[in-house]
């Protein structure tokens, strides 16, 4: 299972890349996409939406089920990966690259520390 060391992970299997706090990229982990199997649809939030940590921010549908995606941190949605609305395959093929979903301007960068590092996330999913 691919768990990049530079990312942070939520209990509900979302990841963030904290390297640019002005626009924190997020998506679902490799583990999550493998559990869902083939993603067929994504409903992403509107740019400008303000979300709280843990709030449902998007909906993902696969051939198996529909699930909410939760904000791993609070802040304002500043960008969404519109290409995924037309073709969601990158979520399965490259969940940490082309499969990124949302960029959030963090309201409290201290929330990053409440997320799992790669080592503790690997323990959670093993």
C-alpha atoms as a PDB file:
ATOM      1  CA  UNK A   1       0.000   0.000   0.000  1.00  0.00           C
ATOM      2  CA  UNK A   2       1.366   3.401  -1.016  1.00  0.00           C
ATOM      3  CA  UNK A   3       1.634   5.786   1.987  1.00  0.00           C
ATOM      4  CA  UNK A   4       3.896   8.756   1.103  1.00  0.00           C
ATOM      5  CA  UNK A   5       5.958   9.956   4.064  1.00  0.00           C
ATOM      6  CA  UNK A   6       5.493  13.697   3.440  1.00  0.00           C
ATOM      7  CA  UNK A   7       1.687  13.621   3.785  1.00  0.00           C
ATOM      8  CA  UNK A   8      -0.621  13.641   6.827  1.00  0.00           C
ATOM      9  CA  UNK A   9      -3.643  11.322   7.105  1.00  0.00           C
ATOM     10  CA  UNK A  10      -7.031  11.393   8.817  1.00  0.00           C
ATOM     11  CA  UNK A  11      -8.747   8.473  10.540  1.00  0.00           C
ATOM     12  CA  UNK A  12     -11.311   8.523   7.706  1.00  0.00           C
ATOM     13  CA  UNK A  13      -8.534   8.012   5.088  1.00  0.00           C
ATOM     14  CA  UNK A  14      -8.189  11.488   3.617  1.00  0.00           C
ATOM     15  CA  UNK A  15      -4.694  12.923   3.108  1.00  0.00           C
ATOM     16  CA  UNK A  16      -3.297  16.440   3.042  1.00  0.00           C
ATOM     17  CA  UNK A  17      -0.018  17.803   1.768  1.00  0.00           C
ATOM     18  CA  UNK A  18       0.987  20.430   4.355  1.00  0.00           C
ATOM     19  CA  UNK A  19       3.944  21.739   2.330  1.00  0.00           C
ATOM     20  CA  UNK A  20       1.986  24.828   1.157  1.00  0.00           C
ATOM     21  CA  UNK A  21      -0.331  26.050   3.960  1.00  0.00           C
ATOM     22  CA  UNK A  22      -1.796  28.693   1.631  1.00  0.00           C
ATOM     23  CA  UNK A  23      -3.321  25.905  -0.498  1.00  0.00           C
ATOM     24  CA  UNK A  24      -3.230  22.492   1.200  1.00  0.00           C
ATOM     25  CA  UNK A  25      -3.991  19.749  -1.334  1.00  0.00           C
ATOM     26  CA  UNK A  26      -6.203  16.889  -0.182  1.00  0.00           C
ATOM     27  CA  UNK A  27      -7.638  13.662  -1.496  1.00  0.00           C
ATOM     28  CA  UNK A  28      -8.279  10.097  -0.402  1.00  0.00           C
ATOM     29  CA  UNK A  29      -5.543   7.618   0.425  1.00  0.00           C
ATOM     30  CA  UNK A  30      -4.442   4.701  -1.703  1.00  0.00           C
ATOM     31  CA  UNK A  31      -5.992   2.440   0.933  1.00  0.00           C
ATOM     32  CA  UNK A  32      -9.357   4.231   0.616  1.00  0.00           C
ATOM     33  CA  UNK A  33      -9.445   4.083  -3.166  1.00  0.00           C
ATOM     34  CA  UNK A  34      -8.554   0.378  -3.078  1.00  0.00           C
ATOM     35  CA  UNK A  35     -11.438  -0.274  -0.665  1.00  0.00           C
ATOM     36  CA  UNK A  36     -13.871   1.665  -2.856  1.00  0.00           C
ATOM     37  CA  UNK A  37     -12.690   0.029  -6.112  1.00  0.00           C
ATOM     38  CA  UNK A  38     -13.556   1.868  -9.330  1.00  0.00           C
ATOM     39  CA  UNK A  39     -14.563   5.483  -8.683  1.00  0.00           C
ATOM     40  CA  UNK A  40     -17.308   6.560 -11.085  1.00  0.00           C
ATOM     41  CA  UNK A  41     -18.402   9.977  -9.769  1.00  0.00           C
ATOM     42  CA  UNK A  42     -17.241  12.825  -7.532  1.00  0.00           C
ATOM     43  CA  UNK A  43     -19.260  15.711  -6.157  1.00  0.00           C
ATOM     44  CA  UNK A  44     -16.780  18.389  -5.124  1.00  0.00           C
ATOM     45  CA  UNK A  45     -17.497  21.545  -3.089  1.00  0.00           C
ATOM     46  CA  UNK A  46     -17.824  25.079  -4.391  1.00  0.00           C
ATOM     47  CA  UNK A  47     -14.764  27.335  -4.302  1.00  0.00           C
ATOM     48  CA  UNK A  48     -15.122  29.746  -1.379  1.00  0.00           C
ATOM     49  CA  UNK A  49     -16.916  27.272   0.872  1.00  0.00           C
ATOM     50  CA  UNK A  50     -15.653  27.383   4.466  1.00  0.00           C
ATOM     51  CA  UNK A  51     -15.452  23.986   6.154  1.00  0.00           C
ATOM     52  CA  UNK A  52     -14.698  22.770   9.655  1.00  0.00           C
ATOM     53  CA  UNK A  53     -12.374  19.887  10.372  1.00  0.00           C
ATOM     54  CA  UNK A  54     -14.358  16.641  10.126  1.00  0.00           C
ATOM     55  CA  UNK A  55     -17.195  18.168   8.095  1.00  0.00           C
ATOM     56  CA  UNK A  56     -18.459  16.297   5.016  1.00  0.00           C
ATOM     57  CA  UNK A  57     -16.905  18.207   2.120  1.00  0.00           C
ATOM     58  CA  UNK A  58     -17.525  16.010  -0.935  1.00  0.00           C
ATOM     59  CA  UNK A  59     -19.191  12.807  -2.106  1.00  0.00           C
ATOM     60  CA  UNK A  60     -17.451   9.947  -3.877  1.00  0.00           C
ATOM     61  CA  UNK A  61     -19.268   7.147  -5.667  1.00  0.00           C
ATOM     62  CA  UNK A  62     -17.750   3.886  -6.778  1.00  0.00           C
ATOM     63  CA  UNK A  63     -19.162   0.744  -8.306  1.00  0.00           C
ATOM     64  CA  UNK A  64     -19.510  -0.496  -4.695  1.00  0.00           C
ATOM     65  CA  UNK A  65     -20.940   2.446  -2.728  1.00  0.00           C
ATOM     66  CA  UNK A  66     -21.329   6.186  -2.199  1.00  0.00           C
ATOM     67  CA  UNK A  67     -19.405   7.781   0.664  1.00  0.00           C
ATOM     68  CA  UNK A  68     -18.767  11.194   2.107  1.00  0.00           C
ATOM     69  CA  UNK A  69     -15.289  12.686   2.061  1.00  0.00           C
ATOM     70  CA  UNK A  70     -14.447  14.656   5.202  1.00  0.00           C
ATOM     71  CA  UNK A  71     -12.313  17.762   5.592  1.00  0.00           C
ATOM     72  CA  UNK A  72      -9.131  16.690   7.412  1.00  0.00           C
ATOM     73  CA  UNK A  73      -8.570  20.339   8.375  1.00  0.00           C
ATOM     74  CA  UNK A  74     -10.724  23.431   8.591  1.00  0.00           C
ATOM     75  CA  UNK A  75     -10.484  26.317   6.183  1.00  0.00           C
ATOM     76  CA  UNK A  76     -11.670  27.764   2.896  1.00  0.00           C
ATOM     77  CA  UNK A  77     -11.884  25.791  -0.346  1.00  0.00           C
ATOM     78  CA  UNK A  78      -9.641  27.691  -2.780  1.00  0.00           C
ATOM     79  CA  UNK A  79      -9.473  25.219  -5.662  1.00  0.00           C
ATOM     80  CA  UNK A  80     -11.074  21.974  -6.840  1.00  0.00           C
ATOM     81  CA  UNK A  81      -9.809  19.456  -9.385  1.00  0.00           C
ATOM     82  CA  UNK A  82     -12.569  20.029 -11.952  1.00  0.00           C
ATOM     83  CA  UNK A  83     -11.072  17.425 -14.312  1.00  0.00           C
ATOM     84  CA  UNK A  84     -12.193  14.688 -11.899  1.00  0.00           C
ATOM     85  CA  UNK A  85     -15.855  15.588 -12.460  1.00  0.00           C
ATOM     86  CA  UNK A  86     -15.525  14.491 -16.087  1.00  0.00           C
ATOM     87  CA  UNK A  87     -13.051  11.652 -15.581  1.00  0.00           C
ATOM     88  CA  UNK A  88     -12.536  10.429 -11.978  1.00  0.00           C
ATOM     89  CA  UNK A  89     -10.094   7.646 -12.928  1.00  0.00           C
ATOM     90  CA  UNK A  90      -7.016   9.456 -11.491  1.00  0.00           C
ATOM     91  CA  UNK A  91      -8.444   8.886  -7.988  1.00  0.00           C
ATOM     92  CA  UNK A  92      -7.795   5.165  -8.519  1.00  0.00           C
ATOM     93  CA  UNK A  93      -4.702   5.459 -10.709  1.00  0.00           C
ATOM     94  CA  UNK A  94      -2.798   8.241  -8.900  1.00  0.00           C
ATOM     95  CA  UNK A  95      -4.537   9.213  -5.636  1.00  0.00           C
ATOM     96  CA  UNK A  96      -1.632  11.381  -4.438  1.00  0.00           C
ATOM     97  CA  UNK A  97      -0.949  13.088  -7.785  1.00  0.00           C
ATOM     98  CA  UNK A  98      -3.568  13.611 -10.465  1.00  0.00           C
ATOM     99  CA  UNK A  99      -6.223  12.302  -8.072  1.00  0.00           C
ATOM    100  CA  UNK A 100      -5.973  15.282  -5.687  1.00  0.00           C
ATOM    101  CA  UNK A 101      -9.470  16.662  -5.127  1.00  0.00           C
ATOM    102  CA  UNK A 102      -9.516  19.919  -3.210  1.00  0.00           C
ATOM    103  CA  UNK A 103      -7.168  22.660  -2.043  1.00  0.00           C
ATOM    104  CA  UNK A 104      -7.950  24.317   1.271  1.00  0.00           C
ATOM    105  CA  UNK A 105      -6.528  27.490   2.782  1.00  0.00           C
ATOM    106  CA  UNK A 106      -6.051  26.253   6.346  1.00  0.00           C
ATOM    107  CA  UNK A 107      -7.665  28.301   9.105  1.00  0.00           C
ATOM    108  CA  UNK A 108      -5.449  26.696  11.778  1.00  0.00           C
ATOM    109  CA  UNK A 109      -2.194  25.018  10.725  1.00  0.00           C
ATOM    110  CA  UNK A 110      -2.067  23.497  14.228  1.00  0.00           C
ATOM    111  CA  UNK A 111      -4.684  21.031  12.998  1.00  0.00           C
ATOM    112  CA  UNK A 112      -1.988  19.391  10.841  1.00  0.00           C
ATOM    113  CA  UNK A 113      -0.463  17.941  13.996  1.00  0.00           C
ATOM    114  CA  UNK A 114      -3.699  16.174  14.917  1.00  0.00           C
ATOM    115  CA  UNK A 115      -3.432  14.033  11.778  1.00  0.00           C
ATOM    116  CA  UNK A 116      -1.488  10.797  11.434  1.00  0.00           C
ATOM    117  CA  UNK A 117       2.019  10.829  10.062  1.00  0.00           C
ATOM    118  CA  UNK A 118       2.794   8.097   7.521  1.00  0.00           C
ATOM    119  CA  UNK A 119       4.052   5.654  10.161  1.00  0.00           C
ATOM    120  CA  UNK A 120       0.981   5.818  12.375  1.00  0.00           C
ATOM    121  CA  UNK A 121      -1.325   5.718   9.345  1.00  0.00           C
ATOM    122  CA  UNK A 122       0.407   2.537   8.132  1.00  0.00           C
ATOM    123  CA  UNK A 123      -0.283   1.019  11.562  1.00  0.00           C
ATOM    124  CA  UNK A 124      -3.948   2.054  11.359  1.00  0.00           C
ATOM    125  CA  UNK A 125      -4.520   0.350   7.997  1.00  0.00           C
ATOM    126  CA  UNK A 126      -2.497  -2.802   8.644  1.00  0.00           C
END
